[in-house]
Amino acid sequence: MEDVIGKIEPSIPLLLTQAVDPTTGQLTGITGFLNTILRIIFVVAGVWALINIILAGVGYIGAGGDPKKVSAAWAKIWQSFVGLLIIVSSFLIAAIIGMLLFRDPAAILQPKI
């Protein structure tokens, strides 16, 4: 029998329809894209905090006893550690929210569709 009407193709792009590649188990589509972007942001933030801590340590060593320079260096070190704490705690917060809403701590960090 011949297809008189034709085929109906989905109008939603593949980027929005498929979340997990069944052959490899890798995240694809918008979920994979956002996961990759978040990983890049976290790595860049961690490297930035490390660079800030090193530069603040050099500033502290080179302060020469000047109270303003010492306090500025300590403030930069403290702010860098607080930033790292926020980055690390974001994973903990995501796990707690996933546990409360979905009864799975990895529901937000590793979504399964």
Protein backbone atom coordinates (compact mmCIF):
# COMPACT_ATOMS: atom_id res chain seq x y z
CA MET A 1 0.00 0.00 0.00
CA GLU A 2 1.32 3.38 -0.97
CA ASP A 3 1.64 6.21 1.55
CA VAL A 4 -0.89 8.66 0.12
CA ILE A 5 -0.73 11.35 2.82
CA GLY A 6 2.96 11.21 3.64
CA LYS A 7 4.87 11.06 6.88
CA ILE A 8 4.47 13.36 9.84
CA GLU A 9 7.83 14.56 11.12
CA PRO A 10 8.18 15.96 14.64
CA SER A 11 8.60 19.73 14.64
CA ILE A 12 10.56 19.74 17.92
CA PRO A 13 14.29 19.65 17.24
CA LEU A 14 16.31 16.67 18.40
CA LEU A 15 18.13 19.00 20.81
CA LEU A 16 14.99 19.16 22.96
CA THR A 17 13.63 15.63 22.54
CA GLN A 18 16.44 13.23 23.38
CA ALA A 19 18.13 13.39 26.80
CA VAL A 20 20.21 10.19 26.97
CA ASP A 21 21.91 8.36 24.13
CA PRO A 22 20.78 4.74 24.53
CA THR A 23 23.99 3.28 23.08
CA THR A 24 26.53 5.19 25.19
CA GLY A 25 24.47 6.42 28.14
CA GLN A 26 25.80 9.96 27.63
CA LEU A 27 23.58 12.98 28.19
CA THR A 28 22.58 14.61 24.91
CA GLY A 29 20.39 17.49 23.87
CA ILE A 30 19.77 20.49 26.09
CA THR A 31 20.48 18.46 29.25
CA GLY A 32 23.94 17.48 28.05
CA PHE A 33 24.63 21.01 26.88
CA LEU A 34 23.69 22.56 30.24
CA ASN A 35 25.64 19.88 32.09
CA THR A 36 28.75 20.68 30.05
CA ILE A 37 28.32 24.44 30.55
CA LEU A 38 27.97 24.01 34.33
CA ARG A 39 31.08 21.82 34.49
CA ILE A 40 33.07 24.44 32.58
CA ILE A 41 31.79 27.20 34.88
CA PHE A 42 32.78 25.23 37.99
CA VAL A 43 36.26 24.46 36.65
CA VAL A 44 36.84 28.09 35.63
CA ALA A 45 35.59 29.31 39.03
CA GLY A 46 37.91 26.90 40.85
CA VAL A 47 40.93 27.95 38.77
CA TRP A 48 40.02 31.63 39.28
CA ALA A 49 39.82 31.11 43.06
CA LEU A 50 43.20 29.34 43.04
CA ILE A 51 44.78 32.20 41.07
CA ASN A 52 43.25 34.74 43.48
CA ILE A 53 44.60 32.86 46.50
CA ILE A 54 48.09 32.71 44.99
CA LEU A 55 48.05 36.42 44.07
CA ALA A 56 46.74 37.36 47.52
CA GLY A 57 49.49 35.26 49.12
CA VAL A 58 52.12 37.06 47.05
CA GLY A 59 50.51 40.37 48.05
CA TYR A 60 50.61 39.33 51.70
CA ILE A 61 54.26 38.37 51.49
CA GLY A 62 55.12 41.60 49.70
CA ALA A 63 53.08 43.80 52.05
CA GLY A 64 56.15 44.65 54.10
CA GLY A 65 54.14 45.17 57.28
CA ASP A 66 51.79 47.78 55.77
CA PRO A 67 48.46 47.18 57.57
CA LYS A 68 46.35 48.25 54.58
CA LYS A 69 48.08 45.86 52.19
CA VAL A 70 47.94 43.02 54.73
CA SER A 71 44.22 43.52 55.33
CA ALA A 72 43.56 43.74 51.57
CA ALA A 73 45.45 40.47 51.03
CA TRP A 74 43.56 38.74 53.86
CA ALA A 75 40.26 40.02 52.46
CA LYS A 76 41.11 38.61 49.03
CA ILE A 77 42.13 35.25 50.53
CA TRP A 78 38.96 35.12 52.63
CA GLN A 79 36.73 36.00 49.66
CA SER A 80 38.39 33.33 47.52
CA PHE A 81 37.76 30.67 50.16
CA VAL A 82 34.14 31.78 50.53
CA GLY A 83 33.75 31.49 46.75
CA LEU A 84 35.15 27.97 46.81
CA LEU A 85 32.80 27.11 49.67
CA ILE A 86 29.84 28.36 47.64
CA ILE A 87 30.91 26.29 44.62
CA VAL A 88 31.27 23.12 46.69
CA SER A 89 28.08 23.74 48.69
CA SER A 90 26.06 24.17 45.49
CA PHE A 91 26.48 20.43 44.88
CA LEU A 92 25.32 19.70 48.43
CA ILE A 93 22.30 22.00 48.04
CA ALA A 94 21.39 20.35 44.72
CA ALA A 95 21.62 16.92 46.38
CA ILE A 96 19.42 18.02 49.31
CA ILE A 97 16.79 19.51 46.98
CA GLY A 98 16.90 16.36 44.84
CA MET A 99 16.43 14.22 47.93
CA LEU A 100 13.50 16.31 49.17
CA LEU A 101 11.68 16.61 45.85
CA PHE A 102 12.60 13.41 43.99
CA ARG A 103 13.89 11.09 46.75
CA ASP A 104 17.14 10.79 44.78
CA PRO A 105 20.20 12.91 45.62
CA ALA A 106 21.47 12.68 42.04
CA ALA A 107 18.17 13.69 40.43
CA ILE A 108 19.30 17.25 39.72
CA LEU A 109 22.99 16.56 39.15
CA GLN A 110 22.48 13.54 36.88
CA PRO A 111 18.92 13.68 35.49
CA LYS A 112 17.42 10.54 33.98
CA ILE A 113 14.59 10.84 31.51
